[in-house]
Amino acid sequence: MPDIVGPLQTCAVRVLRIELSVYSLVSLLYKDVTSMVTVNGFTSGPFPVRRGVRQGCPLSPLLYVLFSETLSTSLDRCLGFRPFNVPGGARVKCVQYADDVTCIVSDLVSFKPLSKVLATFQEATGARLNKSKTKGLHSGGWRGQSLPFDATWSDVMIRVIGIWLGYGAPEATTWAEKADQVEARLDTFNRR
């Protein structure tokens, strides 16, 4: 908890302009938090929770949303990081789902400001980019080029939050897999 709640003061109070009194109340709730684990009917002794978001606590997901929203807000406010224009007029810089963040870069000039925002976020929060999970897709004129961002680059396709994107991405397979997963989940409810 401290590695989430502590950085929230920096990020949430300054970036999202959350009242310090609200932050202080949340900090009090998360001060000196301990947990116990039950496995096969045996319960452990209490141990301090020092990292991550506490599962089962109704406040934890909301805190994580605030935590991750600071990154989204910082990217949105970054003038040097130009958005990707989607047909229909939408402008996109990043897409977030839980702890996954997908940044969409539309020009080479945007890599430097993106890297700076990510470095600032990491320094302020202690969160780290998982290099082994950082992937990029060369598209358009960027295919085959070396790009100024430390990622595993593909000229063909990448998988983002379970969906294949890119050239020759197996759309039918992707959506068939998702449909099968939904049907299997629905079947478990029908059997009850």
Protein backbone atom coordinates (compact mmCIF):
# COMPACT_ATOMS: atom_id res chain seq x y z
CA MET A 1 0.00 0.00 0.00
CA PRO A 2 2.63 2.61 0.86
CA ASP A 3 4.08 2.35 -2.64
CA ILE A 4 0.64 3.24 -4.04
CA VAL A 5 -0.75 5.61 -1.39
CA GLY A 6 2.51 7.58 -0.92
CA PRO A 7 2.91 8.40 -4.61
CA LEU A 8 -0.79 9.25 -4.79
CA GLN A 9 -0.10 12.35 -2.73
CA THR A 10 2.33 13.59 -5.35
CA CYS A 11 0.25 12.58 -8.35
CA ALA A 12 -3.35 12.84 -7.27
CA VAL A 13 -3.03 16.01 -5.20
CA ARG A 14 -0.98 17.89 -7.80
CA VAL A 15 -2.10 16.46 -11.14
CA LEU A 16 -5.75 15.68 -10.40
CA ARG A 17 -6.12 18.47 -7.81
CA ILE A 18 -7.63 16.21 -5.14
CA GLU A 19 -8.14 17.90 -1.78
CA LEU A 20 -5.37 17.21 0.71
CA SER A 21 -7.98 16.41 3.39
CA VAL A 22 -9.37 13.56 1.23
CA TYR A 23 -5.86 12.27 0.65
CA SER A 24 -5.14 12.44 4.40
CA LEU A 25 -8.27 10.42 5.18
CA VAL A 26 -7.35 7.71 2.66
CA SER A 27 -3.78 7.62 3.99
CA LEU A 28 -5.13 7.06 7.49
CA LEU A 29 -7.20 4.08 6.27
CA TYR A 30 -4.12 2.53 4.68
CA LYS A 31 -1.62 3.25 7.46
CA ASP A 32 0.07 0.16 8.95
CA VAL A 33 -2.17 -2.25 7.02
CA THR A 34 -1.71 -5.97 7.69
CA SER A 35 -3.24 -9.02 6.04
CA MET A 36 -3.58 -12.73 6.71
CA VAL A 37 -3.87 -15.56 4.20
CA THR A 38 -5.97 -18.71 4.50
CA VAL A 39 -4.76 -21.72 2.51
CA ASN A 40 -6.39 -25.14 2.84
CA GLY A 41 -8.11 -24.07 6.05
CA PHE A 42 -4.96 -22.77 7.74
CA THR A 43 -4.63 -19.05 8.43
CA SER A 44 -1.25 -17.34 8.53
CA GLY A 45 -0.27 -14.76 11.07
CA PRO A 46 -0.63 -11.09 10.19
CA PHE A 47 1.99 -9.59 7.88
CA PRO A 48 2.48 -6.01 6.68
CA VAL A 49 1.29 -5.12 3.19
CA ARG A 50 3.98 -3.03 1.56
CA ARG A 51 3.39 -3.36 -2.18
CA GLY A 52 0.56 -3.42 -4.66
CA VAL A 53 -3.16 -2.92 -4.30
CA ARG A 54 -4.96 -4.89 -1.61
CA GLN A 55 -7.37 -7.37 -3.18
CA GLY A 56 -10.84 -7.58 -1.72
CA CYS A 57 -10.78 -4.02 -0.40
CA PRO A 58 -13.53 -1.95 -2.09
CA LEU A 59 -11.38 1.19 -1.98
CA SER A 60 -8.32 -0.35 -3.67
CA PRO A 61 -9.64 -0.41 -7.26
CA LEU A 62 -10.68 3.23 -6.94
CA LEU A 63 -7.24 4.17 -5.67
CA TYR A 64 -5.63 2.32 -8.55
CA VAL A 65 -7.85 4.19 -11.02
CA LEU A 66 -6.66 7.49 -9.50
CA PHE A 67 -3.09 6.25 -9.65
CA SER A 68 -3.30 5.29 -13.33
CA GLU A 69 -5.39 8.35 -14.23
CA THR A 70 -2.42 10.54 -13.36
CA LEU A 71 -0.49 8.94 -16.24
CA SER A 72 -3.39 9.41 -18.64
CA THR A 73 -3.81 13.05 -17.57
CA SER A 74 -0.08 13.72 -17.93
CA LEU A 75 -0.06 12.24 -21.44
CA ASP A 76 -3.15 14.23 -22.39
CA ARG A 77 -1.57 17.48 -21.17
CA CYS A 78 1.75 16.80 -22.91
CA LEU A 79 1.74 19.15 -25.91
CA GLY A 80 4.76 17.55 -27.61
CA PHE A 81 3.10 14.12 -27.72
CA ARG A 82 0.73 14.43 -30.67
CA PRO A 83 -2.48 12.37 -30.70
CA PHE A 84 -3.42 9.81 -33.31
CA ASN A 85 -6.43 10.97 -35.33
CA VAL A 86 -9.01 8.22 -35.65
CA PRO A 87 -11.51 8.37 -38.53
CA GLY A 88 -14.58 10.21 -37.29
CA GLY A 89 -12.65 12.90 -35.44
CA ALA A 90 -11.51 11.17 -32.23
CA ARG A 91 -7.96 11.92 -31.10
CA VAL A 92 -6.18 9.21 -29.09
CA LYS A 93 -2.90 9.27 -27.17
CA CYS A 94 -3.35 6.25 -24.94
CA VAL A 95 -5.81 3.52 -24.06
CA GLN A 96 -5.87 2.01 -20.57
CA TYR A 97 -7.40 -1.18 -19.23
CA ALA A 98 -6.60 -2.14 -15.63
CA ASP A 99 -2.79 -1.98 -15.44
CA ASP A 100 -2.24 -2.16 -19.21
CA VAL A 101 -1.46 1.08 -21.04
CA THR A 102 -1.28 1.30 -24.83
CA CYS A 103 0.27 4.50 -26.18
CA ILE A 104 -0.38 5.40 -29.81
CA VAL A 105 2.39 7.43 -31.43
CA SER A 106 1.59 9.23 -34.67
CA ASP A 107 4.98 10.80 -35.48
CA LEU A 108 8.66 10.39 -34.64
CA VAL A 109 8.77 13.71 -32.77
CA SER A 110 6.31 12.33 -30.17
CA PHE A 111 8.65 9.59 -28.90
CA LYS A 112 10.81 12.00 -26.87
CA PRO A 113 7.91 13.70 -24.98
CA LEU A 114 6.28 10.27 -24.42
CA SER A 115 9.52 8.94 -22.93
CA LYS A 116 9.81 12.03 -20.71
CA VAL A 117 6.23 11.66 -19.37
CA LEU A 118 6.81 7.95 -18.67
CA ALA A 119 10.11 8.69 -16.89
CA THR A 120 8.46 11.39 -14.75
CA PHE A 121 5.57 9.04 -13.89
CA GLN A 122 8.00 6.27 -12.93
CA GLU A 123 10.06 8.64 -10.79
CA ALA A 124 6.98 10.09 -9.05
CA THR A 125 5.18 6.80 -8.40
CA GLY A 126 7.78 4.06 -8.26
CA ALA A 127 5.83 2.20 -10.97
CA ARG A 128 8.06 0.64 -13.61
CA LEU A 129 7.66 -0.15 -17.28
CA ASN A 130 7.94 -3.91 -17.74
CA LYS A 131 10.45 -4.08 -20.59
CA SER A 132 9.61 -7.72 -21.34
CA LYS A 133 5.96 -6.75 -21.94
CA THR A 134 6.66 -3.51 -23.82
CA LYS A 135 5.80 -4.11 -27.46
CA GLY A 136 5.49 -1.88 -30.50
CA LEU A 137 3.99 -2.27 -33.97
CA HIS A 138 5.70 -0.68 -36.96
CA SER A 139 2.96 0.54 -39.27
CA GLY A 140 2.82 2.54 -42.47
CA GLY A 141 6.16 4.07 -43.42
CA TRP A 142 7.72 2.96 -40.14
CA ARG A 143 7.83 -0.72 -41.13
CA GLY A 144 11.39 -2.01 -40.94
CA GLN A 145 12.71 1.18 -39.29
CA SER A 146 14.57 1.41 -36.02
CA LEU A 147 12.47 3.55 -33.69
CA PRO A 148 13.69 5.58 -30.67
CA PHE A 149 11.85 3.67 -27.95
CA ASP A 150 12.96 0.60 -26.02
CA ALA A 151 10.35 -2.00 -27.01
CA THR A 152 10.12 -5.32 -28.80
CA TRP A 153 9.05 -4.14 -32.24
CA SER A 154 7.11 -6.13 -34.84
CA ASP A 155 6.49 -5.38 -38.51
CA VAL A 156 3.57 -7.81 -38.62
CA MET A 157 1.32 -7.86 -35.55
CA ILE A 158 1.17 -7.60 -31.77
CA ARG A 159 -1.36 -8.67 -29.17
CA VAL A 160 -2.87 -5.85 -27.09
CA ILE A 161 -5.15 -6.81 -24.20
CA GLY A 162 -5.89 -10.13 -25.89
CA ILE A 163 -6.65 -8.64 -29.32
CA TRP A 164 -4.34 -9.08 -32.30
CA LEU A 165 -3.50 -5.83 -34.13
CA GLY A 166 -1.49 -5.38 -37.30
CA TYR A 167 -1.00 -6.73 -40.78
CA GLY A 168 -2.70 -10.08 -41.27
CA ALA A 169 -3.96 -10.07 -37.68
CA PRO A 170 -6.21 -13.11 -37.21
CA GLU A 171 -9.43 -11.16 -36.57
CA ALA A 172 -11.65 -14.22 -36.95
CA THR A 173 -9.50 -16.22 -34.52
CA THR A 174 -9.32 -13.39 -31.99
CA TRP A 175 -13.06 -12.81 -31.92
CA ALA A 176 -13.84 -16.54 -32.05
CA GLU A 177 -11.63 -17.02 -28.96
CA LYS A 178 -13.43 -14.19 -27.15
CA ALA A 179 -16.86 -15.54 -28.15
CA ASP A 180 -15.88 -19.01 -26.86
CA GLN A 181 -14.74 -17.51 -23.55
CA VAL A 182 -18.01 -15.61 -23.13
CA GLU A 183 -20.08 -18.69 -24.02
CA ALA A 184 -18.12 -20.82 -21.54
CA ARG A 185 -18.71 -18.24 -18.82
CA LEU A 186 -22.44 -18.09 -19.63
CA ASP A 187 -22.64 -21.90 -19.53
CA THR A 188 -21.36 -21.90 -15.95
CA PHE A 189 -24.24 -19.61 -14.97
CA ASN A 190 -26.79 -21.78 -16.81
CA ARG A 191 -25.68 -24.85 -14.83
CA ARG A 192 -26.35 -23.20 -11.47
